[in-house]
Amino acid sequence: MVYNQPWTTYGESSDYRYYGSGNASLYGALAVLVRSAAPFSIYSAHTGNQRGGVIPAAAITVEDAEMMQRMQDRGQRINLHLVM
C-alpha cells in the first residue's frame, strides 16, 4: 500500500507514517510506503517512527509518491520489489 497523503500540517501528515502500517495490515497489505511528511522535497525522504507496525514500512519522497499517483491515475499497474 502507498499512502500519498496531501500535506496539511506536520501532525496530520505524520499520522499516516505513525499509524499507517498497523491500519494497512488490517486490509491485507504486505508492506507500506508513506509519502514524506513535508510540504515539498528535494528528492529526500523525511522519515520518522511508526506505531503498531506488523508489516514493513518505509518513507518515500514526495516526487516518487506523486509519480506513482500519476501512474495509477493512468491505469498503469505498479509492481515494486522492496529490499529493506
N, C-alpha and C. Protein backbone atom coordinates (compact mmCIF):
# COMPACT_ATOMS: atom_id res chain seq x y z
N MET A 1 0.85 -1.17 0.00
CA MET A 1 0.00 0.00 0.00
C MET A 1 0.89 1.23 0.00
N VAL A 2 0.48 2.24 -0.74
CA VAL A 2 1.19 3.51 -0.76
C VAL A 2 0.25 4.60 -0.24
N TYR A 3 0.71 5.31 0.76
CA TYR A 3 -0.03 6.48 1.26
C TYR A 3 0.56 7.72 0.60
N ASN A 4 -0.22 8.38 -0.23
CA ASN A 4 0.19 9.63 -0.85
C ASN A 4 -0.69 10.74 -0.28
N GLN A 5 -0.57 10.94 1.01
CA GLN A 5 -1.40 11.91 1.71
C GLN A 5 -0.97 13.33 1.36
N PRO A 6 -1.92 14.21 1.14
CA PRO A 6 -1.54 15.61 0.87
C PRO A 6 -0.99 16.26 2.14
N TRP A 7 -0.06 17.16 1.97
CA TRP A 7 0.49 17.89 3.11
C TRP A 7 -0.55 18.85 3.64
N THR A 8 -0.79 18.79 4.94
CA THR A 8 -1.64 19.76 5.61
C THR A 8 -0.83 20.40 6.73
N THR A 9 -0.57 19.61 7.76
CA THR A 9 0.31 20.03 8.86
C THR A 9 1.20 18.85 9.19
N TYR A 10 2.26 19.11 9.93
CA TYR A 10 3.15 18.02 10.29
C TYR A 10 2.40 16.96 11.10
N GLY A 11 1.59 17.40 12.05
CA GLY A 11 0.85 16.45 12.88
C GLY A 11 -0.07 15.55 12.08
N GLU A 12 -0.87 16.13 11.20
CA GLU A 12 -1.81 15.34 10.40
C GLU A 12 -1.08 14.45 9.40
N SER A 13 -0.08 14.98 8.73
CA SER A 13 0.64 14.20 7.73
C SER A 13 1.46 13.08 8.36
N SER A 14 1.95 13.29 9.57
CA SER A 14 2.73 12.27 10.25
C SER A 14 1.86 11.11 10.73
N ASP A 15 0.57 11.32 10.90
CA ASP A 15 -0.32 10.24 11.34
C ASP A 15 -0.27 9.06 10.39
N TYR A 16 -0.13 9.32 9.08
CA TYR A 16 -0.06 8.23 8.11
C TYR A 16 1.18 7.39 8.36
N ARG A 17 2.29 8.02 8.65
CA ARG A 17 3.52 7.30 8.92
C ARG A 17 3.41 6.57 10.26
N TYR A 18 2.84 7.23 11.24
CA TYR A 18 2.79 6.68 12.59
C TYR A 18 1.85 5.48 12.69
N TYR A 19 0.67 5.58 12.09
CA TYR A 19 -0.34 4.53 12.20
C TYR A 19 -0.55 3.73 10.91
N GLY A 20 0.06 4.15 9.82
CA GLY A 20 -0.22 3.56 8.52
C GLY A 20 0.03 2.08 8.40
N SER A 21 1.12 1.61 8.97
CA SER A 21 1.46 0.19 8.86
C SER A 21 0.42 -0.68 9.55
N GLY A 22 0.07 -0.31 10.76
CA GLY A 22 -0.93 -1.07 11.50
C GLY A 22 -2.28 -1.07 10.82
N ASN A 23 -2.70 0.09 10.32
CA ASN A 23 -4.00 0.18 9.64
C ASN A 23 -4.00 -0.59 8.32
N ALA A 24 -2.93 -0.49 7.55
CA ALA A 24 -2.86 -1.18 6.26
C ALA A 24 -2.88 -2.69 6.43
N SER A 25 -2.26 -3.18 7.49
CA SER A 25 -2.23 -4.63 7.71
C SER A 25 -3.64 -5.18 7.92
N LEU A 26 -4.54 -4.37 8.44
CA LEU A 26 -5.93 -4.80 8.63
C LEU A 26 -6.64 -5.06 7.31
N TYR A 27 -6.13 -4.47 6.23
CA TYR A 27 -6.72 -4.62 4.90
C TYR A 27 -5.93 -5.60 4.02
N GLY A 28 -4.97 -6.29 4.61
CA GLY A 28 -4.23 -7.29 3.86
C GLY A 28 -2.97 -6.81 3.18
N ALA A 29 -2.54 -5.59 3.44
CA ALA A 29 -1.31 -5.09 2.83
C ALA A 29 -0.11 -5.88 3.33
N LEU A 30 0.88 -6.06 2.47
CA LEU A 30 2.09 -6.77 2.84
C LEU A 30 3.21 -5.83 3.27
N ALA A 31 3.12 -4.58 2.83
CA ALA A 31 4.11 -3.56 3.19
C ALA A 31 3.46 -2.19 2.93
N VAL A 32 4.08 -1.17 3.46
CA VAL A 32 3.55 0.19 3.33
C VAL A 32 4.66 1.14 2.92
N LEU A 33 4.36 1.99 1.96
CA LEU A 33 5.22 3.12 1.60
C LEU A 33 4.45 4.38 1.93
N VAL A 34 5.09 5.30 2.62
CA VAL A 34 4.42 6.51 3.07
C VAL A 34 5.14 7.73 2.51
N ARG A 35 4.37 8.61 1.90
CA ARG A 35 4.92 9.86 1.38
C ARG A 35 5.58 10.64 2.50
N SER A 36 6.71 11.22 2.20
CA SER A 36 7.45 12.03 3.15
C SER A 36 6.55 13.08 3.78
N ALA A 37 6.66 13.26 5.09
CA ALA A 37 5.84 14.23 5.82
C ALA A 37 6.49 15.61 5.70
N ALA A 38 6.30 16.23 4.55
CA ALA A 38 6.89 17.55 4.29
C ALA A 38 6.08 18.24 3.19
N PRO A 39 6.05 19.57 3.19
CA PRO A 39 5.29 20.28 2.16
C PRO A 39 5.94 20.24 0.78
N PHE A 40 7.25 20.02 0.73
CA PHE A 40 7.97 19.93 -0.53
C PHE A 40 9.20 19.07 -0.28
N SER A 41 9.90 18.72 -1.33
CA SER A 41 11.03 17.82 -1.18
C SER A 41 12.13 18.19 -2.17
N ILE A 42 13.32 17.77 -1.86
CA ILE A 42 14.43 17.84 -2.79
C ILE A 42 14.92 16.41 -3.02
N TYR A 43 13.97 15.57 -3.32
CA TYR A 43 14.17 14.14 -3.54
C TYR A 43 14.83 13.49 -2.33
N SER A 44 14.29 13.83 -1.16
CA SER A 44 14.76 13.22 0.08
C SER A 44 13.54 12.79 0.89
N ALA A 45 13.67 11.64 1.52
CA ALA A 45 12.55 11.12 2.32
C ALA A 45 12.67 11.60 3.75
N HIS A 46 11.58 12.13 4.25
CA HIS A 46 11.51 12.56 5.65
C HIS A 46 10.99 11.37 6.44
N THR A 47 11.86 10.72 7.16
CA THR A 47 11.49 9.51 7.88
C THR A 47 11.07 9.86 9.31
N GLY A 48 10.68 8.88 10.03
CA GLY A 48 10.26 9.09 11.41
C GLY A 48 9.97 7.74 12.03
N ASN A 49 9.02 7.70 12.94
CA ASN A 49 8.71 6.44 13.60
C ASN A 49 7.32 5.95 13.21
N GLN A 50 7.05 4.72 13.60
CA GLN A 50 5.73 4.15 13.36
C GLN A 50 5.28 3.43 14.61
N ARG A 51 3.98 3.20 14.69
CA ARG A 51 3.42 2.54 15.87
C ARG A 51 2.55 1.38 15.40
N GLY A 52 2.67 0.28 16.07
CA GLY A 52 1.81 -0.86 15.77
C GLY A 52 2.11 -1.51 14.44
N GLY A 53 3.31 -1.32 13.95
CA GLY A 53 3.66 -1.86 12.65
C GLY A 53 3.91 -3.36 12.70
N VAL A 54 3.10 -4.09 12.00
CA VAL A 54 3.29 -5.54 11.91
C VAL A 54 3.76 -5.93 10.52
N ILE A 55 3.83 -4.96 9.62
CA ILE A 55 4.33 -5.17 8.26
C ILE A 55 5.41 -4.12 8.01
N PRO A 56 6.31 -4.37 7.06
CA PRO A 56 7.37 -3.39 6.77
C PRO A 56 6.79 -2.06 6.31
N ALA A 57 7.44 -0.98 6.71
CA ALA A 57 7.03 0.37 6.30
C ALA A 57 8.27 1.19 6.01
N ALA A 58 8.17 2.04 4.99
CA ALA A 58 9.28 2.92 4.63
C ALA A 58 8.74 4.23 4.09
N ALA A 59 9.53 5.27 4.24
CA ALA A 59 9.18 6.57 3.69
C ALA A 59 9.69 6.67 2.26
N ILE A 60 8.92 7.35 1.41
CA ILE A 60 9.35 7.63 0.04
C ILE A 60 9.27 9.14 -0.18
N THR A 61 9.95 9.61 -1.18
CA THR A 61 9.98 11.04 -1.45
C THR A 61 8.62 11.52 -1.98
N VAL A 62 8.40 12.82 -1.86
CA VAL A 62 7.20 13.43 -2.43
C VAL A 62 7.15 13.16 -3.93
N GLU A 63 8.30 13.29 -4.58
CA GLU A 63 8.35 13.09 -6.03
C GLU A 63 7.96 11.67 -6.43
N ASP A 64 8.46 10.67 -5.70
CA ASP A 64 8.10 9.28 -6.02
C ASP A 64 6.63 9.00 -5.74
N ALA A 65 6.11 9.54 -4.66
CA ALA A 65 4.69 9.35 -4.35
C ALA A 65 3.81 9.96 -5.44
N GLU A 66 4.18 11.16 -5.90
CA GLU A 66 3.41 11.81 -6.96
C GLU A 66 3.53 11.05 -8.28
N MET A 67 4.71 10.51 -8.59
CA MET A 67 4.89 9.73 -9.81
C MET A 67 4.01 8.48 -9.79
N MET A 68 4.00 7.78 -8.66
CA MET A 68 3.16 6.59 -8.56
C MET A 68 1.67 6.94 -8.65
N GLN A 69 1.30 8.11 -8.14
CA GLN A 69 -0.10 8.56 -8.25
C GLN A 69 -0.47 8.79 -9.71
N ARG A 70 0.42 9.43 -10.47
CA ARG A 70 0.16 9.65 -11.90
C ARG A 70 0.06 8.33 -12.65
N MET A 71 0.92 7.39 -12.31
CA MET A 71 0.87 6.08 -12.96
C MET A 71 -0.46 5.38 -12.67
N GLN A 72 -0.88 5.42 -11.42
CA GLN A 72 -2.15 4.80 -11.04
C GLN A 72 -3.31 5.49 -11.75
N ASP A 73 -3.28 6.82 -11.81
CA ASP A 73 -4.34 7.57 -12.48
C ASP A 73 -4.45 7.22 -13.96
N ARG A 74 -3.32 6.82 -14.59
CA ARG A 74 -3.33 6.40 -15.99
C ARG A 74 -3.72 4.94 -16.15
N GLY A 75 -3.94 4.26 -15.03
CA GLY A 75 -4.33 2.87 -15.09
C GLY A 75 -3.16 1.90 -15.19
N GLN A 76 -1.96 2.39 -14.96
CA GLN A 76 -0.79 1.53 -15.03
C GLN A 76 -0.69 0.68 -13.77
N ARG A 77 -0.28 -0.56 -13.95
CA ARG A 77 -0.03 -1.45 -12.81
C ARG A 77 1.35 -1.15 -12.29
N ILE A 78 1.47 -1.01 -10.98
CA ILE A 78 2.74 -0.69 -10.35
C ILE A 78 3.19 -1.91 -9.55
N ASN A 79 4.33 -2.44 -9.92
CA ASN A 79 4.94 -3.56 -9.19
C ASN A 79 6.21 -3.08 -8.52
N LEU A 80 6.36 -3.36 -7.26
CA LEU A 80 7.54 -2.95 -6.52
C LEU A 80 8.20 -4.16 -5.88
N HIS A 81 9.51 -4.14 -5.85
CA HIS A 81 10.29 -5.12 -5.13
C HIS A 81 11.03 -4.38 -4.04
N LEU A 82 10.69 -4.66 -2.79
CA LEU A 82 11.30 -3.95 -1.67
C LEU A 82 12.42 -4.78 -1.07
N VAL A 83 13.55 -4.13 -0.85
CA VAL A 83 14.65 -4.72 -0.11
C VAL A 83 14.90 -3.76 1.05
N MET A 84 14.56 -4.23 2.24
CA MET A 84 14.67 -3.34 3.41
C MET A 84 15.51 -4.00 4.48
